[in-house]
C-alpha atoms as a PDB file:
ATOM      1  CA  MET A   1      -2.009   8.875 -15.327  1.00  0.00           C
ATOM      2  CA  GLN A   2       1.979   9.396 -14.954  1.00  0.00           C
ATOM      3  CA  GLN A   3       3.957   6.255 -14.568  1.00  0.00           C
ATOM      4  CA  VAL A   4       7.572   6.117 -13.001  1.00  0.00           C
ATOM      5  CA  ARG A   5      10.107   3.319 -12.518  1.00  0.00           C
ATOM      6  CA  LEU A   6      10.418   1.131  -9.532  1.00  0.00           C
ATOM      7  CA  GLY A   7      14.123   1.889  -8.623  1.00  0.00           C
ATOM      8  CA  ARG A   8      16.617   0.487 -10.976  1.00  0.00           C
ATOM      9  CA  THR A   9      14.124  -2.022 -12.660  1.00  0.00           C
ATOM     10  CA  SER A  10      11.863  -1.853 -15.724  1.00  0.00           C
ATOM     11  CA  VAL A  11       8.803  -2.203 -13.793  1.00  0.00           C
ATOM     12  CA  SER A  12       6.658   1.048 -13.690  1.00  0.00           C
ATOM     13  CA  THR A  13       3.886   2.064 -11.521  1.00  0.00           C
ATOM     14  CA  THR A  14       1.211   4.596 -11.799  1.00  0.00           C
ATOM     15  CA  ARG A  15       1.402   7.490  -9.234  1.00  0.00           C
ATOM     16  CA  LEU A  16      -1.672   6.215  -7.638  1.00  0.00           C
ATOM     17  CA  SER A  17      -1.968   2.372  -7.042  1.00  0.00           C
ATOM     18  CA  PHE A  18      -5.160   0.385  -6.093  1.00  0.00           C
ATOM     19  CA  GLY A  19      -4.845  -1.366  -2.777  1.00  0.00           C
ATOM     20  CA  GLY A  20      -6.738  -4.606  -2.671  1.00  0.00           C
ATOM     21  CA  ALA A  21      -7.113  -5.326   1.067  1.00  0.00           C
ATOM     22  CA  ALA A  22     -10.901  -4.278   0.900  1.00  0.00           C
ATOM     23  CA  LEU A  23     -11.450  -6.906  -1.914  1.00  0.00           C
ATOM     24  CA  GLY A  24     -10.817  -9.526   0.734  1.00  0.00           C
ATOM     25  CA  ASN A  25     -13.594  -8.150   2.796  1.00  0.00           C
ATOM     26  CA  LEU A  26     -11.563  -6.073   5.220  1.00  0.00           C
ATOM     27  CA  PHE A  27     -13.805  -5.726   8.369  1.00  0.00           C
ATOM     28  CA  THR A  28     -16.896  -5.958   6.381  1.00  0.00           C
ATOM     29  CA  ALA A  29     -18.134  -8.021   3.450  1.00  0.00           C
ATOM     30  CA  VAL A  30     -18.160  -6.634  -0.130  1.00  0.00           C
ATOM     31  CA  ASP A  31     -19.889  -8.378  -2.678  1.00  0.00           C
ATOM     32  CA  ASP A  32     -18.350  -9.544  -5.979  1.00  0.00           C
ATOM     33  CA  THR A  33     -20.112  -7.082  -8.248  1.00  0.00           C
ATOM     34  CA  THR A  34     -18.917  -4.181  -5.881  1.00  0.00           C
ATOM     35  CA  ALA A  35     -15.557  -5.538  -5.734  1.00  0.00           C
ATOM     36  CA  ALA A  36     -15.345  -5.795  -9.463  1.00  0.00           C
ATOM     37  CA  ALA A  37     -16.813  -2.551 -10.203  1.00  0.00           C
ATOM     38  CA  ALA A  38     -14.201  -1.006  -8.148  1.00  0.00           C
ATOM     39  CA  VAL A  39     -11.423  -2.380 -10.031  1.00  0.00           C
ATOM     40  CA  ASP A  40     -13.089  -1.125 -13.229  1.00  0.00           C
ATOM     41  CA  ALA A  41     -13.458   2.513 -11.858  1.00  0.00           C
ATOM     42  CA  ALA A  42      -9.783   2.392 -11.197  1.00  0.00           C
ATOM     43  CA  TRP A  43      -8.942   1.184 -14.604  1.00  0.00           C
ATOM     44  CA  ALA A  44     -11.302   3.833 -15.860  1.00  0.00           C
ATOM     45  CA  ALA A  45      -9.507   6.461 -14.085  1.00  0.00           C
ATOM     46  CA  GLY A  46      -6.162   5.722 -15.584  1.00  0.00           C
ATOM     47  CA  VAL A  47      -4.711   3.627 -12.472  1.00  0.00           C
ATOM     48  CA  ARG A  48      -2.640   0.675 -13.863  1.00  0.00           C
ATOM     49  CA  THR A  49      -0.993  -0.518 -10.686  1.00  0.00           C
ATOM     50  CA  PHE A  50      -2.918  -3.180  -8.495  1.00  0.00           C
ATOM     51  CA  ASP A  51      -1.662  -4.581  -5.083  1.00  0.00           C
ATOM     52  CA  THR A  52      -2.947  -7.548  -3.229  1.00  0.00           C
ATOM     53  CA  ALA A  53      -1.751 -10.314  -0.946  1.00  0.00           C
ATOM     54  CA  PRO A  54      -2.712 -13.675   0.204  1.00  0.00           C
ATOM     55  CA  HIS A  55      -3.332 -12.412   3.683  1.00  0.00           C
ATOM     56  CA  TYR A  56      -6.410 -10.334   2.464  1.00  0.00           C
ATOM     57  CA  GLY A  57      -9.316 -12.322   3.011  1.00  0.00           C
ATOM     58  CA  LEU A  58      -7.486 -15.970   3.022  1.00  0.00           C
ATOM     59  CA  GLY A  59      -6.839 -15.312  -0.788  1.00  0.00           C
ATOM     60  CA  LEU A  60     -10.185 -13.704  -1.680  1.00  0.00           C
ATOM     61  CA  SER A  61      -8.562 -10.471  -2.745  1.00  0.00           C
ATOM     62  CA  GLU A  62      -6.420 -12.198  -5.141  1.00  0.00           C
ATOM     63  CA  ARG A  63      -9.225 -13.999  -6.613  1.00  0.00           C
ATOM     64  CA  ARG A  64     -11.300 -11.065  -7.355  1.00  0.00           C
ATOM     65  CA  LEU A  65      -8.541  -9.125  -8.384  1.00  0.00           C
ATOM     66  CA  GLY A  66      -7.460 -11.690 -11.111  1.00  0.00           C
ATOM     67  CA  ARG A  67     -10.842 -12.006 -12.180  1.00  0.00           C
ATOM     68  CA  ALA A  68     -11.582  -8.434 -12.572  1.00  0.00           C
ATOM     69  CA  LEU A  69      -8.188  -7.759 -14.607  1.00  0.00           C
ATOM     70  CA  ARG A  70      -8.726 -11.027 -16.772  1.00  0.00           C
ATOM     71  CA  GLY A  71      -9.346  -9.989 -20.349  1.00  0.00           C
ATOM     72  CA  ARG A  72      -7.337  -6.891 -20.080  1.00  0.00           C
ATOM     73  CA  PRO A  73      -4.061  -6.504 -21.826  1.00  0.00           C
ATOM     74  CA  ARG A  74      -1.340  -7.909 -19.480  1.00  0.00           C
ATOM     75  CA  SER A  75       1.360  -5.500 -20.670  1.00  0.00           C
ATOM     76  CA  GLU A  76      -0.906  -2.615 -19.609  1.00  0.00           C
ATOM     77  CA  TYR A  77      -0.878  -3.127 -16.044  1.00  0.00           C
ATOM     78  CA  GLN A  78       1.161  -3.787 -13.048  1.00  0.00           C
ATOM     79  CA  LEU A  79       0.386  -6.510 -10.538  1.00  0.00           C
ATOM     80  CA  SER A  80       1.924  -6.944  -7.169  1.00  0.00           C
ATOM     81  CA  THR A  81       1.572  -9.390  -4.368  1.00  0.00           C
ATOM     82  CA  LYS A  82       3.120 -10.468  -1.282  1.00  0.00           C
ATOM     83  CA  ALA A  83       4.795 -13.506   0.489  1.00  0.00           C
ATOM     84  CA  GLY A  84       5.457 -14.738   3.968  1.00  0.00           C
ATOM     85  CA  ARG A  85       2.106 -16.212   4.964  1.00  0.00           C
ATOM     86  CA  LEU A  86       1.047 -19.664   3.489  1.00  0.00           C
ATOM     87  CA  LEU A  87      -2.555 -20.539   3.297  1.00  0.00           C
ATOM     88  CA  GLU A  88      -3.197 -24.020   4.676  1.00  0.00           C
ATOM     89  CA  PRO A  89      -6.801 -25.425   4.435  1.00  0.00           C
ATOM     90  CA  VAL A  90      -8.540 -26.552   7.581  1.00  0.00           C
ATOM     91  CA  ALA A  91     -10.815 -29.278   8.070  1.00  0.00           C
ATOM     92  CA  GLY A  92     -14.489 -28.255   8.520  1.00  0.00           C
ATOM     93  CA  LEU A  93     -15.783 -24.867   8.691  1.00  0.00           C
ATOM     94  CA  VAL A  94     -14.551 -23.073  11.843  1.00  0.00           C
ATOM     95  CA  GLY A  95     -16.077 -19.750  12.031  1.00  0.00           C
ATOM     96  CA  ASP A  96     -14.875 -16.586  10.557  1.00  0.00           C
ATOM     97  CA  ASP A  97     -11.722 -14.715  10.154  1.00  0.00           C
ATOM     98  CA  LEU A  98     -12.823 -11.693  11.562  1.00  0.00           C
ATOM     99  CA  ALA A  99      -9.950 -11.964  14.459  1.00  0.00           C
ATOM    100  CA  ASN A 100      -7.638 -11.209  11.724  1.00  0.00           C
ATOM    101  CA  GLY A 101      -9.887  -8.556  10.067  1.00  0.00           C
ATOM    102  CA  PHE A 102     -11.450  -9.977   7.152  1.00  0.00           C
ATOM    103  CA  ALA A 103     -15.312 -10.728   7.050  1.00  0.00           C
ATOM    104  CA  VAL A 104     -14.782 -14.409   5.388  1.00  0.00           C
ATOM    105  CA  PRO A 105     -15.236 -18.039   6.357  1.00  0.00           C
ATOM    106  CA  ALA A 106     -12.113 -19.436   8.160  1.00  0.00           C
ATOM    107  CA  THR A 107     -11.566 -22.054   5.599  1.00  0.00           C
ATOM    108  CA  HIS A 108      -7.742 -21.607   5.881  1.00  0.00           C
ATOM    109  CA  ARG A 109      -5.035 -20.996   8.377  1.00  0.00           C
ATOM    110  CA  ARG A 110      -2.372 -18.590   7.749  1.00  0.00           C
ATOM    111  CA  ARG A 111       1.257 -19.965   8.516  1.00  0.00           C
ATOM    112  CA  TRP A 112       4.323 -17.727   8.418  1.00  0.00           C
ATOM    113  CA  ASP A 113       7.065 -18.869   6.426  1.00  0.00           C
ATOM    114  CA  PHE A 114       9.925 -16.824   5.083  1.00  0.00           C
ATOM    115  CA  SER A 115      12.084 -19.595   3.865  1.00  0.00           C
ATOM    116  CA  ALA A 116      13.309 -19.822   0.525  1.00  0.00           C
ATOM    117  CA  ASP A 117      10.816 -22.702  -0.222  1.00  0.00           C
ATOM    118  CA  GLY A 118       7.916 -20.734   1.508  1.00  0.00           C
ATOM    119  CA  VAL A 119       8.525 -17.844  -0.810  1.00  0.00           C
ATOM    120  CA  ARG A 120       8.385 -19.895  -3.933  1.00  0.00           C
ATOM    121  CA  ARG A 121       5.241 -21.816  -2.691  1.00  0.00           C
ATOM    122  CA  SER A 122       3.478 -18.608  -1.586  1.00  0.00           C
ATOM    123  CA  LEU A 123       4.096 -16.849  -5.158  1.00  0.00           C
ATOM    124  CA  GLU A 124       3.100 -20.348  -6.915  1.00  0.00           C
ATOM    125  CA  GLN A 125      -0.134 -20.295  -4.954  1.00  0.00           C
ATOM    126  CA  SER A 126      -0.721 -16.511  -5.715  1.00  0.00           C
ATOM    127  CA  LEU A 127      -0.375 -17.002  -9.350  1.00  0.00           C
ATOM    128  CA  LEU A 128      -2.904 -19.952  -9.318  1.00  0.00           C
ATOM    129  CA  ARG A 129      -5.265 -17.778  -7.209  1.00  0.00           C
ATOM    130  CA  MET A 130      -5.013 -14.823  -9.481  1.00  0.00           C
ATOM    131  CA  GLY A 131      -4.894 -16.995 -12.583  1.00  0.00           C
ATOM    132  CA  VAL A 132      -1.881 -15.232 -14.107  1.00  0.00           C
ATOM    133  CA  ASP A 133       1.496 -16.445 -15.195  1.00  0.00           C
ATOM    134  CA  ARG A 134       3.430 -13.526 -13.561  1.00  0.00           C
ATOM    135  CA  VAL A 135       3.254 -10.908 -11.089  1.00  0.00           C
ATOM    136  CA  ASP A 136       5.652  -7.432 -11.539  1.00  0.00           C
ATOM    137  CA  THR A 137       6.564  -7.101  -8.021  1.00  0.00           C
ATOM    138  CA  VAL A 138       6.493  -9.433  -4.982  1.00  0.00           C
ATOM    139  CA  TYR A 139       6.807  -7.805  -1.438  1.00  0.00           C
ATOM    140  CA  LEU A 140       7.711  -9.810   1.862  1.00  0.00           C
ATOM    141  CA  HIS A 141       4.744  -9.082   3.992  1.00  0.00           C
ATOM    142  CA  ASP A 142       4.996  -8.063   7.587  1.00  0.00           C
ATOM    143  CA  PRO A 143       8.206  -9.622   8.483  1.00  0.00           C
ATOM    144  CA  ASP A 144       8.536  -7.875  11.599  1.00  0.00           C
ATOM    145  CA  ASP A 145       9.055 -10.783  13.811  1.00  0.00           C
ATOM    146  CA  HIS A 146      11.007 -12.758  11.420  1.00  0.00           C
ATOM    147  CA  LEU A 147      13.686 -10.123  10.089  1.00  0.00           C
ATOM    148  CA  ASP A 148      16.695 -12.261  10.223  1.00  0.00           C
ATOM    149  CA  GLN A 149      15.184 -15.190   8.440  1.00  0.00           C
ATOM    150  CA  ALA A 150      13.493 -12.700   5.891  1.00  0.00           C
ATOM    151  CA  ILE A 151      16.888 -11.209   5.054  1.00  0.00           C
ATOM    152  CA  ALA A 152      18.777 -14.559   4.999  1.00  0.00           C
ATOM    153  CA  GLU A 153      16.644 -16.776   3.391  1.00  0.00           C
ATOM    154  CA  ALA A 154      13.654 -15.101   1.791  1.00  0.00           C
ATOM    155  CA  MET A 155      15.415 -12.181   0.133  1.00  0.00           C
ATOM    156  CA  PRO A 156      17.949 -14.324  -1.539  1.00  0.00           C
ATOM    157  CA  ALA A 157      15.065 -16.426  -3.041  1.00  0.00           C
ATOM    158  CA  LEU A 158      13.220 -13.390  -4.245  1.00  0.00           C
ATOM    159  CA  GLU A 159      16.642 -12.221  -5.871  1.00  0.00           C
ATOM    160  CA  ARG A 160      16.635 -15.673  -7.881  1.00  0.00           C
ATOM    161  CA  LEU A 161      13.304 -15.270  -9.130  1.00  0.00           C
ATOM    162  CA  ARG A 162      14.262 -11.721 -10.203  1.00  0.00           C
ATOM    163  CA  ALA A 163      17.207 -13.179 -11.783  1.00  0.00           C
ATOM    164  CA  GLU A 164      15.293 -15.742 -13.509  1.00  0.00           C
ATOM    165  CA  GLY A 165      12.723 -13.177 -15.001  1.00  0.00           C
ATOM    166  CA  VAL A 166       9.804 -14.803 -12.745  1.00  0.00           C
ATOM    167  CA  VAL A 167       9.275 -11.439 -11.321  1.00  0.00           C
ATOM    168  CA  GLY A 168      10.575  -7.855 -12.080  1.00  0.00           C
ATOM    169  CA  ALA A 169      10.907  -6.075  -8.605  1.00  0.00           C
ATOM    170  CA  ILE A 170      11.286  -7.186  -5.020  1.00  0.00           C
ATOM    171  CA  GLY A 171      10.856  -5.595  -1.953  1.00  0.00           C
ATOM    172  CA  ALA A 172       9.144  -5.588   1.585  1.00  0.00           C
ATOM    173  CA  GLY A 173       5.695  -4.433   2.962  1.00  0.00           C
ATOM    174  CA  MET A 174       5.522  -3.132   6.459  1.00  0.00           C
ATOM    175  CA  ASN A 175       3.852  -0.478   8.852  1.00  0.00           C
ATOM    176  CA  ASP A 176       7.201  -0.093  10.806  1.00  0.00           C
ATOM    177  CA  SER A 177       9.691   1.915   8.836  1.00  0.00           C
ATOM    178  CA  GLY A 178      12.536   1.110  10.981  1.00  0.00           C
ATOM    179  CA  PRO A 179      12.885  -2.659   9.791  1.00  0.00           C
ATOM    180  CA  LEU A 180      12.325  -1.337   6.323  1.00  0.00           C
ATOM    181  CA  THR A 181      15.593   0.793   6.510  1.00  0.00           C
ATOM    182  CA  ARG A 182      17.286  -2.328   7.289  1.00  0.00           C
ATOM    183  CA  PHE A 183      16.035  -4.127   4.095  1.00  0.00           C
ATOM    184  CA  VAL A 184      17.046  -0.956   2.308  1.00  0.00           C
ATOM    185  CA  ARG A 185      20.691  -1.165   3.546  1.00  0.00           C
ATOM    186  CA  GLU A 186      21.214  -4.632   3.890  1.00  0.00           C
ATOM    187  CA  THR A 187      19.610  -6.430   0.998  1.00  0.00           C
ATOM    188  CA  ASP A 188      18.982  -5.732  -2.834  1.00  0.00           C
ATOM    189  CA  VAL A 189      15.561  -4.546  -2.732  1.00  0.00           C
ATOM    190  CA  ASP A 190      13.960  -2.301  -5.651  1.00  0.00           C
ATOM    191  CA  VAL A 191      11.162  -1.080  -3.712  1.00  0.00           C
ATOM    192  CA  VAL A 192       9.667  -0.959  -0.153  1.00  0.00           C
ATOM    193  CA  LEU A 193       5.888  -0.197   0.869  1.00  0.00           C
ATOM    194  CA  VAL A 194       5.384   1.619   4.124  1.00  0.00           C
ATOM    195  CA  ALA A 195       1.901   1.853   5.450  1.00  0.00           C
ATOM    196  CA  GLY A 196       0.737   5.002   7.779  1.00  0.00           C
ATOM    197  CA  ARG A 197       4.390   6.088   8.529  1.00  0.00           C
ATOM    198  CA  TYR A 198       4.732   8.926   5.970  1.00  0.00           C
ATOM    199  CA  THR A 199       1.507  10.939   6.339  1.00  0.00           C
ATOM    200  CA  LEU A 200       0.016  14.471   7.382  1.00  0.00           C
ATOM    201  CA  LEU A 201       0.056  12.967  10.799  1.00  0.00           C
ATOM    202  CA  ASP A 202       2.951  10.724  10.981  1.00  0.00           C
ATOM    203  CA  GLN A 203       6.319  11.602   9.140  1.00  0.00           C
ATOM    204  CA  SER A 204       8.463   8.850  11.043  1.00  0.00           C
ATOM    205  CA  ALA A 205       9.830   7.538   7.907  1.00  0.00           C
ATOM    206  CA  LEU A 206      11.580  10.733   7.310  1.00  0.00           C
ATOM    207  CA  ALA A 207      14.052   9.705  10.122  1.00  0.00           C
ATOM    208  CA  GLY A 208      15.597   6.845   8.157  1.00  0.00           C
ATOM    209  CA  LEU A 209      13.890   5.132   5.633  1.00  0.00           C
ATOM    210  CA  LEU A 210      13.095   7.540   2.799  1.00  0.00           C
ATOM    211  CA  PRO A 211      16.987   9.067   3.238  1.00  0.00           C
ATOM    212  CA  ALA A 212      18.176   5.612   2.834  1.00  0.00           C
ATOM    213  CA  ALA A 213      16.058   4.886   0.080  1.00  0.00           C
ATOM    214  CA  SER A 214      17.020   8.089  -1.876  1.00  0.00           C
ATOM    215  CA  GLU A 215      20.904   7.247  -1.178  1.00  0.00           C
ATOM    216  CA  ARG A 216      20.468   3.529  -2.589  1.00  0.00           C
ATOM    217  CA  GLY A 217      18.049   4.225  -5.468  1.00  0.00           C
ATOM    218  CA  VAL A 218      15.230   2.307  -3.850  1.00  0.00           C
ATOM    219  CA  ALA A 219      11.405   3.203  -4.636  1.00  0.00           C
ATOM    220  CA  VAL A 220       9.130   3.773  -1.929  1.00  0.00           C
ATOM    221  CA  VAL A 221       5.232   3.072  -2.266  1.00  0.00           C
ATOM    222  CA  VAL A 222       3.352   4.786   0.708  1.00  0.00           C
ATOM    223  CA  GLY A 223       0.228   3.373   2.028  1.00  0.00           C
ATOM    224  CA  GLY A 224      -2.099   4.022   4.851  1.00  0.00           C
ATOM    225  CA  LEU A 225      -2.422   7.799   3.642  1.00  0.00           C
ATOM    226  CA  PHE A 226      -5.426   8.486   5.897  1.00  0.00           C
ATOM    227  CA  ASN A 227      -3.870   6.434   8.944  1.00  0.00           C
ATOM    228  CA  SER A 228      -6.811   4.197   8.744  1.00  0.00           C
ATOM    229  CA  GLY A 229      -9.458   7.104   8.803  1.00  0.00           C
ATOM    230  CA  LEU A 230      -8.800  10.090  10.646  1.00  0.00           C
ATOM    231  CA  LEU A 231      -7.401  12.112   7.790  1.00  0.00           C
ATOM    232  CA  ALA A 232     -10.226  11.164   5.606  1.00  0.00           C
ATOM    233  CA  ASP A 233     -12.874  12.282   8.080  1.00  0.00           C
ATOM    234  CA  PRO A 234     -11.611  13.959  11.143  1.00  0.00           C
ATOM    235  CA  ARG A 235     -14.149  13.681  13.981  1.00  0.00           C
ATOM    236  CA  PRO A 236     -14.258  12.345  17.574  1.00  0.00           C
ATOM    237  CA  GLY A 237     -14.479   8.711  17.283  1.00  0.00           C
ATOM    238  CA  ALA A 238     -12.448   8.344  14.233  1.00  0.00           C
ATOM    239  CA  THR A 239      -9.863   5.677  13.651  1.00  0.00           C
ATOM    240  CA  PHE A 240      -5.987   6.208  13.720  1.00  0.00           C
ATOM    241  CA  ASP A 241      -3.847   3.006  12.721  1.00  0.00           C
ATOM    242  CA  TYR A 242      -7.204   1.056  13.507  1.00  0.00           C
ATOM    243  CA  ALA A 243      -7.681   2.180  16.942  1.00  0.00           C
ATOM    244  CA  THR A 244      -9.779   5.168  18.315  1.00  0.00           C
ATOM    245  CA  ALA A 245      -7.584   8.234  17.654  1.00  0.00           C
ATOM    246  CA  PRO A 246      -6.700  10.208  20.827  1.00  0.00           C
ATOM    247  CA  PRO A 247      -8.371  13.634  21.507  1.00  0.00           C
ATOM    248  CA  GLU A 248      -5.244  15.586  20.659  1.00  0.00           C
ATOM    249  CA  LEU A 249      -4.832  13.929  17.165  1.00  0.00           C
ATOM    250  CA  VAL A 250      -8.242  14.570  16.362  1.00  0.00           C
ATOM    251  CA  GLN A 251      -7.870  18.176  17.189  1.00  0.00           C
ATOM    252  CA  ARG A 252      -4.689  18.049  14.941  1.00  0.00           C
ATOM    253  CA  ALA A 253      -6.385  16.793  12.042  1.00  0.00           C
ATOM    254  CA  LEU A 254      -9.166  19.360  12.494  1.00  0.00           C
ATOM    255  CA  ARG A 255      -6.952  22.108  12.510  1.00  0.00           C
ATOM    256  CA  MET A 256      -5.271  20.732   9.537  1.00  0.00           C
ATOM    257  CA  GLN A 257      -8.797  20.483   7.714  1.00  0.00           C
ATOM    258  CA  GLU A 258      -9.362  24.213   8.700  1.00  0.00           C
ATOM    259  CA  VAL A 259      -6.253  25.187   7.263  1.00  0.00           C
ATOM    260  CA  CYS A 260      -6.841  23.172   4.034  1.00  0.00           C
ATOM    261  CA  ALA A 261     -10.184  24.814   3.700  1.00  0.00           C
ATOM    262  CA  ARG A 262      -8.691  28.268   3.855  1.00  0.00           C
ATOM    263  CA  HIS A 263      -7.041  27.194   0.408  1.00  0.00           C
ATOM    264  CA  GLY A 264     -10.076  25.560  -0.838  1.00  0.00           C
ATOM    265  CA  VAL A 265      -8.565  22.019  -0.672  1.00  0.00           C
ATOM    266  CA  PRO A 266     -10.284  18.995   0.896  1.00  0.00           C
ATOM    267  CA  LEU A 267      -8.008  17.448   3.688  1.00  0.00           C
ATOM    268  CA  ARG A 268      -8.327  14.146   1.731  1.00  0.00           C
ATOM    269  CA  ALA A 269      -6.663  15.718  -1.311  1.00  0.00           C
ATOM    270  CA  ALA A 270      -3.827  17.183   0.745  1.00  0.00           C
ATOM    271  CA  ALA A 271      -3.331  13.713   2.553  1.00  0.00           C
ATOM    272  CA  VAL A 272      -3.157  11.974  -0.916  1.00  0.00           C
ATOM    273  CA  ARG A 273      -0.719  14.386  -2.487  1.00  0.00           C
ATOM    274  CA  PHE A 274       1.574  15.193   0.711  1.00  0.00           C
ATOM    275  CA  ALA A 275       3.973  12.178   0.244  1.00  0.00           C
ATOM    276  CA  PHE A 276       4.861  13.252  -3.207  1.00  0.00           C
ATOM    277  CA  GLY A 277       6.932  15.922  -1.837  1.00  0.00           C
ATOM    278  CA  HIS A 278       9.778  13.488  -1.152  1.00  0.00           C
ATOM    279  CA  PRO A 279      11.742  12.475  -4.362  1.00  0.00           C
ATOM    280  CA  ALA A 280      11.801   8.707  -3.103  1.00  0.00           C
ATOM    281  CA  VAL A 281       8.187   8.210  -3.240  1.00  0.00           C
ATOM    282  CA  ALA A 282       7.020   6.618  -6.495  1.00  0.00           C
ATOM    283  CA  SER A 283       3.450   5.667  -5.579  1.00  0.00           C
ATOM    284  CA  ALA A 284       0.817   6.311  -3.187  1.00  0.00           C
ATOM    285  CA  LEU A 285      -1.417   3.291  -2.462  1.00  0.00           C
ATOM    286  CA  VAL A 286      -5.067   3.704  -1.879  1.00  0.00           C
ATOM    287  CA  GLY A 287      -7.431   1.108  -0.842  1.00  0.00           C
ATOM    288  CA  ALA A 288     -10.847   1.059  -1.886  1.00  0.00           C
ATOM    289  CA  ARG A 289     -13.999  -1.270  -1.611  1.00  0.00           C
ATOM    290  CA  SER A 290     -16.247   0.295  -4.302  1.00  0.00           C
ATOM    291  CA  ALA A 291     -16.136   2.504  -7.401  1.00  0.00           C
ATOM    292  CA  ASP A 292     -17.162   5.599  -5.650  1.00  0.00           C
ATOM    293  CA  GLU A 293     -14.035   5.317  -3.166  1.00  0.00           C
ATOM    294  CA  ILE A 294     -11.521   4.960  -5.824  1.00  0.00           C
ATOM    295  CA  THR A 295     -13.051   7.461  -8.056  1.00  0.00           C
ATOM    296  CA  ASP A 296     -13.076  10.050  -5.282  1.00  0.00           C
ATOM    297  CA  ALA A 297      -9.333   9.037  -4.397  1.00  0.00           C
ATOM    298  CA  VAL A 298      -8.318   9.814  -8.108  1.00  0.00           C
ATOM    299  CA  LYS A 299     -10.109  13.100  -7.944  1.00  0.00           C
ATOM    300  CA  GLN A 300      -8.385  13.997  -4.792  1.00  0.00           C
ATOM    301  CA  PHE A 301      -5.011  13.100  -6.270  1.00  0.00           C
ATOM    302  CA  GLU A 302      -5.520  15.259  -9.398  1.00  0.00           C
ATOM    303  CA  LEU A 303      -6.954  18.354  -7.718  1.00  0.00           C
ATOM    304  CA  PRO A 304      -4.581  21.352  -8.095  1.00  0.00           C
ATOM    305  CA  ILE A 305      -3.400  22.395  -4.763  1.00  0.00           C
ATOM    306  CA  PRO A 306      -2.005  25.772  -4.400  1.00  0.00           C
ATOM    307  CA  ASP A 307       2.002  25.719  -3.081  1.00  0.00           C
ATOM    308  CA  ALA A 308       0.946  28.206  -0.397  1.00  0.00           C
ATOM    309  CA  LEU A 309      -0.861  25.505   1.371  1.00  0.00           C
ATOM    310  CA  TRP A 310       2.007  23.517   2.563  1.00  0.00           C
ATOM    311  CA  PRO A 311       3.977  26.480   4.283  1.00  0.00           C
ATOM    312  CA  ASP A 312       0.688  27.488   5.768  1.00  0.00           C
ATOM    313  CA  LEU A 313       0.290  24.060   7.498  1.00  0.00           C
ATOM    314  CA  GLN A 314       3.934  24.584   8.679  1.00  0.00           C
ATOM    315  CA  THR A 315       3.859  28.059  10.006  1.00  0.00           C
ATOM    316  CA  SER A 316       0.688  26.820  11.758  1.00  0.00           C
ATOM    317  CA  GLY A 317       2.823  24.191  13.777  1.00  0.00           C
ATOM    318  CA  LEU A 318       1.009  21.124  12.017  1.00  0.00           C
ATOM    319  CA  LEU A 319       3.951  20.240  10.082  1.00  0.00           C
ATOM    320  CA  PRO A 320       7.578  20.155  10.821  1.00  0.00           C
ATOM    321  CA  THR A 321       9.352  22.831   8.849  1.00  0.00           C
ATOM    322  CA  ASP A 322      11.952  20.596   7.602  1.00  0.00           C
ATOM    323  CA  VAL A 323       9.553  17.949   6.075  1.00  0.00           C
ATOM    324  CA  PRO A 324       9.620  18.105   2.092  1.00  0.00           C
ATOM    325  CA  VAL A 325       6.552  19.350   0.764  1.00  0.00           C
ATOM    326  CA  PRO A 326       5.083  19.027  -2.962  1.00  0.00           C
ATOM    327  CA  LYS A 327       5.870  22.142  -5.243  1.00  0.00           C
ATOM    328  CA  ASP A 328       4.495  23.098  -8.510  1.00  0.00           C
ATOM    329  CA  GLY A 329       1.898  20.457  -8.606  1.00  0.00           C
ATOM    330  CA  THR A 330       4.278  17.694  -8.111  1.00  0.00           C
END
């Protein structure tokens, strides 16, 4: 699978990246064998970039990903994790973590910490959980309510870690493209991860983030390609951004599916490929909880898509006419 550089760094990424949230039992449990098989299938398909975070299953995703990658040549894959939530043990078993979205025992509590010391401690803990001596990229994770501290304290700490060679690339990951634009303009990030804000149904990242990233040479990784489900399987009751999709959005997605079908393209394939129409986008992050899911994602990503599909979506009023679209198989 093609690899590209993250901004001005020496860190590369495959065009499709593996998102590890499901390995942390996102919403429902995944057994160890299934989780390992998902990573194995990603590797077999050519994916070499793997993303995780302490938040995902209170460290379960990091532990599982570390085990699944153990024994593979470290120089052949890129690993990213996140900082901003420290995991602290709790006394006794106090239920599950489903309130935070993960089907795991609540053995730890998350404590927000975007201080310089918090960033270093978070990374140290992540390395121990994964059993590796380094990661390639560290993102500040969801600093929405801590922007000033993240910019004033956490980012300088990441810059020092990068200068020391501890990490190769630094950035921030959020669902809101507005604050990410601030990181791009005010800090020395190499990459930003934006979830759900540059998809077939939501192009809000185009208003500020993507132009700013292009201007400053910052790479963009796009997650949430299916907007949590609607673009993967459009139907009444489907989810959009983790809530039941409004009827008008369901109808829009169904109309997109009809246009895609006229060109012999599954809507899932168009959803995976759409973001690559913008030159700032380096990689698309796809979450998977099984070998079948990641194998299907790679298949959709590699499916030839006729150039005529995109203007058809635009003339049908389903995509704005000023949104850049992929061309010539890009």
